[in-house]
N, C-alpha and C. Protein backbone atom coordinates (compact mmCIF):
# COMPACT_ATOMS: atom_id res chain seq x y z
N UNK A 1 15.97 -11.95 -16.08
CA UNK A 1 15.38 -10.85 -15.36
C UNK A 1 13.87 -11.07 -15.25
N UNK A 2 13.34 -10.71 -14.11
CA UNK A 2 11.91 -10.79 -13.87
C UNK A 2 11.26 -9.52 -14.43
N UNK A 3 10.76 -9.58 -15.67
CA UNK A 3 10.23 -8.41 -16.35
C UNK A 3 8.97 -7.87 -15.70
N UNK A 4 8.15 -8.76 -15.15
CA UNK A 4 6.93 -8.30 -14.48
C UNK A 4 7.31 -7.45 -13.26
N UNK A 5 8.27 -7.92 -12.48
CA UNK A 5 8.74 -7.16 -11.32
C UNK A 5 9.38 -5.85 -11.75
N UNK A 6 10.16 -5.89 -12.84
CA UNK A 6 10.80 -4.68 -13.36
C UNK A 6 9.76 -3.63 -13.74
N UNK A 7 8.76 -4.03 -14.51
CA UNK A 7 7.73 -3.09 -14.97
C UNK A 7 6.91 -2.57 -13.79
N UNK A 8 6.56 -3.44 -12.86
CA UNK A 8 5.80 -3.03 -11.68
C UNK A 8 6.59 -2.02 -10.85
N UNK A 9 7.87 -2.31 -10.63
CA UNK A 9 8.72 -1.41 -9.86
C UNK A 9 8.86 -0.07 -10.57
N UNK A 10 9.14 -0.12 -11.88
CA UNK A 10 9.29 1.12 -12.65
C UNK A 10 8.02 1.96 -12.58
N UNK A 11 6.89 1.36 -12.84
CA UNK A 11 5.63 2.10 -12.86
C UNK A 11 5.30 2.69 -11.49
N UNK A 12 5.53 1.91 -10.45
CA UNK A 12 5.22 2.38 -9.09
C UNK A 12 6.11 3.55 -8.70
N UNK A 13 7.41 3.41 -8.92
CA UNK A 13 8.34 4.49 -8.55
C UNK A 13 8.10 5.72 -9.44
N UNK A 14 7.87 5.50 -10.72
CA UNK A 14 7.61 6.62 -11.63
C UNK A 14 6.40 7.42 -11.18
N UNK A 15 5.31 6.73 -10.88
CA UNK A 15 4.10 7.43 -10.44
C UNK A 15 4.30 8.11 -9.09
N UNK A 16 5.04 7.47 -8.20
CA UNK A 16 5.28 8.05 -6.87
C UNK A 16 6.13 9.32 -6.96
N UNK A 17 7.02 9.37 -7.93
CA UNK A 17 7.93 10.51 -8.05
C UNK A 17 7.31 11.70 -8.76
N UNK A 18 6.26 11.48 -9.54
CA UNK A 18 5.65 12.60 -10.26
C UNK A 18 5.07 13.62 -9.29
N UNK A 19 5.54 14.84 -9.40
CA UNK A 19 4.99 15.92 -8.59
C UNK A 19 5.40 15.90 -7.13
N UNK A 20 6.35 15.04 -6.76
CA UNK A 20 6.77 15.04 -5.35
C UNK A 20 7.81 16.13 -5.13
N UNK A 21 8.24 16.28 -3.89
CA UNK A 21 9.16 17.38 -3.57
C UNK A 21 10.51 17.24 -4.25
N UNK A 22 10.94 16.00 -4.54
CA UNK A 22 12.20 15.80 -5.26
C UNK A 22 12.08 16.34 -6.68
N UNK A 23 11.00 16.04 -7.35
CA UNK A 23 10.82 16.53 -8.71
C UNK A 23 10.69 18.06 -8.71
N UNK A 24 10.00 18.61 -7.73
CA UNK A 24 9.86 20.07 -7.66
C UNK A 24 11.19 20.74 -7.37
N UNK A 25 12.01 20.13 -6.52
CA UNK A 25 13.35 20.68 -6.27
C UNK A 25 14.20 20.64 -7.53
N UNK A 26 14.13 19.54 -8.26
CA UNK A 26 14.88 19.41 -9.52
C UNK A 26 14.41 20.45 -10.52
N UNK A 27 13.10 20.64 -10.61
CA UNK A 27 12.54 21.65 -11.51
C UNK A 27 13.08 23.03 -11.15
N UNK A 28 13.14 23.33 -9.86
CA UNK A 28 13.64 24.63 -9.41
C UNK A 28 15.11 24.81 -9.77
N UNK A 29 15.93 23.78 -9.53
CA UNK A 29 17.34 23.87 -9.89
C UNK A 29 17.51 24.07 -11.39
N UNK A 30 16.74 23.34 -12.18
CA UNK A 30 16.85 23.44 -13.64
C UNK A 30 16.43 24.82 -14.14
N UNK A 31 15.41 25.39 -13.51
CA UNK A 31 14.92 26.69 -13.98
C UNK A 31 15.90 27.82 -13.69
N UNK A 32 16.76 27.62 -12.71
CA UNK A 32 17.69 28.70 -12.34
C UNK A 32 19.14 28.35 -12.65
N UNK A 33 19.34 27.39 -13.55
CA UNK A 33 20.69 26.92 -13.83
C UNK A 33 21.03 27.09 -15.31
N UNK A 34 22.31 27.28 -15.56
CA UNK A 34 22.80 27.32 -16.94
C UNK A 34 23.14 25.91 -17.43
N UNK A 35 23.32 24.98 -16.51
CA UNK A 35 23.74 23.63 -16.88
C UNK A 35 22.64 22.63 -16.54
N UNK A 36 21.74 22.42 -17.49
CA UNK A 36 20.63 21.48 -17.28
C UNK A 36 21.15 20.06 -17.11
N UNK A 37 22.24 19.72 -17.81
CA UNK A 37 22.80 18.37 -17.70
C UNK A 37 23.34 18.10 -16.30
N UNK A 38 23.93 19.10 -15.67
CA UNK A 38 24.43 18.92 -14.29
C UNK A 38 23.27 18.63 -13.35
N UNK A 39 22.16 19.34 -13.54
CA UNK A 39 20.98 19.11 -12.72
C UNK A 39 20.42 17.71 -12.98
N UNK A 40 20.31 17.34 -14.25
CA UNK A 40 19.79 16.01 -14.60
C UNK A 40 20.67 14.91 -14.02
N UNK A 41 21.97 14.99 -14.24
CA UNK A 41 22.89 13.94 -13.77
C UNK A 41 22.90 13.88 -12.25
N UNK A 42 22.93 15.05 -11.60
CA UNK A 42 22.92 15.07 -10.14
C UNK A 42 21.65 14.46 -9.55
N UNK A 43 20.50 14.83 -10.11
CA UNK A 43 19.25 14.29 -9.57
C UNK A 43 19.10 12.81 -9.91
N UNK A 44 19.53 12.40 -11.11
CA UNK A 44 19.44 10.99 -11.48
C UNK A 44 20.33 10.13 -10.59
N UNK A 45 21.56 10.58 -10.34
CA UNK A 45 22.46 9.82 -9.48
C UNK A 45 21.93 9.75 -8.04
N UNK A 46 21.32 10.84 -7.58
CA UNK A 46 20.74 10.83 -6.23
C UNK A 46 19.63 9.79 -6.13
N UNK A 47 18.77 9.73 -7.15
CA UNK A 47 17.69 8.74 -7.14
C UNK A 47 18.25 7.32 -7.21
N UNK A 48 19.27 7.12 -8.04
CA UNK A 48 19.89 5.79 -8.13
C UNK A 48 20.50 5.40 -6.79
N UNK A 49 21.20 6.31 -6.14
CA UNK A 49 21.83 5.99 -4.85
C UNK A 49 20.79 5.69 -3.77
N UNK A 50 19.74 6.51 -3.70
CA UNK A 50 18.72 6.23 -2.68
C UNK A 50 18.00 4.91 -2.96
N UNK A 51 17.83 4.59 -4.24
CA UNK A 51 17.22 3.30 -4.60
C UNK A 51 18.13 2.15 -4.23
N UNK A 52 19.43 2.30 -4.45
CA UNK A 52 20.39 1.26 -4.08
C UNK A 52 20.38 1.03 -2.57
N UNK A 53 20.33 2.11 -1.82
CA UNK A 53 20.26 1.98 -0.35
C UNK A 53 18.99 1.24 0.04
N UNK A 54 17.86 1.59 -0.58
CA UNK A 54 16.59 0.92 -0.26
C UNK A 54 16.66 -0.57 -0.58
N UNK A 55 17.28 -0.92 -1.70
CA UNK A 55 17.39 -2.34 -2.07
C UNK A 55 18.26 -3.08 -1.05
N UNK A 56 19.39 -2.50 -0.68
CA UNK A 56 20.29 -3.16 0.28
C UNK A 56 19.64 -3.29 1.66
N UNK A 57 18.97 -2.23 2.11
CA UNK A 57 18.28 -2.29 3.42
C UNK A 57 17.12 -3.28 3.35
N UNK A 58 16.39 -3.27 2.22
CA UNK A 58 15.29 -4.22 2.06
C UNK A 58 15.76 -5.66 2.07
N UNK A 59 16.89 -5.91 1.40
CA UNK A 59 17.45 -7.26 1.38
C UNK A 59 17.87 -7.69 2.78
N UNK A 60 18.54 -6.80 3.51
CA UNK A 60 18.96 -7.13 4.87
C UNK A 60 17.76 -7.32 5.79
N UNK A 61 16.76 -6.44 5.65
CA UNK A 61 15.57 -6.54 6.50
C UNK A 61 14.81 -7.83 6.24
N UNK A 62 14.81 -8.28 4.97
CA UNK A 62 14.06 -9.49 4.65
C UNK A 62 14.68 -10.74 5.26
N UNK A 63 15.93 -10.65 5.68
CA UNK A 63 16.58 -11.77 6.36
C UNK A 63 16.17 -11.84 7.82
N UNK A 64 15.71 -10.70 8.35
CA UNK A 64 15.29 -10.65 9.75
C UNK A 64 13.78 -10.66 9.92
N UNK A 65 13.09 -10.08 8.93
CA UNK A 65 11.63 -9.94 9.00
C UNK A 65 11.04 -10.55 7.73
N UNK A 66 10.04 -11.40 7.85
CA UNK A 66 9.43 -11.99 6.65
C UNK A 66 8.91 -10.92 5.69
N UNK A 67 9.06 -11.16 4.37
CA UNK A 67 8.62 -10.17 3.37
C UNK A 67 7.16 -9.75 3.50
N UNK A 68 6.27 -10.68 3.86
CA UNK A 68 4.86 -10.28 4.00
C UNK A 68 4.67 -9.31 5.16
N UNK A 69 5.46 -9.44 6.22
CA UNK A 69 5.39 -8.50 7.35
C UNK A 69 5.94 -7.14 6.91
N UNK A 70 7.04 -7.14 6.14
CA UNK A 70 7.59 -5.89 5.62
C UNK A 70 6.57 -5.16 4.74
N UNK A 71 5.86 -5.91 3.90
CA UNK A 71 4.84 -5.30 3.05
C UNK A 71 3.74 -4.67 3.89
N UNK A 72 3.33 -5.36 4.95
CA UNK A 72 2.28 -4.82 5.82
C UNK A 72 2.76 -3.58 6.56
N UNK A 73 4.01 -3.59 6.99
CA UNK A 73 4.57 -2.41 7.66
C UNK A 73 4.59 -1.23 6.70
N UNK A 74 5.06 -1.46 5.46
CA UNK A 74 5.10 -0.39 4.46
C UNK A 74 3.69 0.10 4.15
N UNK A 75 2.75 -0.82 3.98
CA UNK A 75 1.37 -0.43 3.68
C UNK A 75 0.80 0.38 4.84
N UNK A 76 1.04 -0.06 6.05
CA UNK A 76 0.56 0.67 7.22
C UNK A 76 1.14 2.07 7.30
N UNK A 77 2.43 2.19 6.98
CA UNK A 77 3.08 3.51 7.00
C UNK A 77 2.44 4.43 5.96
N UNK A 78 2.16 3.89 4.76
CA UNK A 78 1.50 4.70 3.73
C UNK A 78 0.12 5.14 4.17
N UNK A 79 -0.62 4.26 4.81
CA UNK A 79 -1.96 4.61 5.28
C UNK A 79 -1.88 5.70 6.34
N UNK A 80 -0.98 5.53 7.30
CA UNK A 80 -0.82 6.53 8.36
C UNK A 80 -0.45 7.89 7.78
N UNK A 81 0.50 7.90 6.86
CA UNK A 81 0.91 9.16 6.23
C UNK A 81 -0.25 9.77 5.44
N UNK A 82 -0.99 8.93 4.70
CA UNK A 82 -2.13 9.42 3.93
C UNK A 82 -3.21 10.02 4.82
N UNK A 83 -3.55 9.34 5.90
CA UNK A 83 -4.57 9.85 6.82
C UNK A 83 -4.09 11.14 7.47
N UNK A 84 -2.83 11.16 7.87
CA UNK A 84 -2.25 12.37 8.49
C UNK A 84 -2.32 13.54 7.52
N UNK A 85 -1.94 13.32 6.26
CA UNK A 85 -1.98 14.39 5.26
C UNK A 85 -3.42 14.82 4.98
N UNK A 86 -4.34 13.86 4.95
CA UNK A 86 -5.75 14.18 4.70
C UNK A 86 -6.28 15.08 5.79
N UNK A 87 -6.03 14.74 7.05
CA UNK A 87 -6.59 15.51 8.16
C UNK A 87 -5.85 16.82 8.37
N UNK A 88 -4.54 16.82 8.08
CA UNK A 88 -3.76 18.04 8.28
C UNK A 88 -4.12 19.12 7.26
N UNK A 89 -4.46 18.64 6.04
CA UNK A 89 -4.69 19.68 5.20
C UNK A 89 -5.13 19.92 3.91
């Protein structure tokens, strides 16, 4: 296993998920639920499934588009979203 890639991926996704709408939705479900484990398992499985989809789509896309171009597209999308959020509000 590539431990550097593992740690980088974990840290990036962990930081990106803190305080986002998914975490806030999970917090809301947990605060109004009798079954905290159902909320935890449901949200954890949802994150695992969306991550699996991203890995499969990323693998397929890398066969059609060079990885450095994919990185630039992702970076550009983050910049556009950041600028949009900055100006919007």
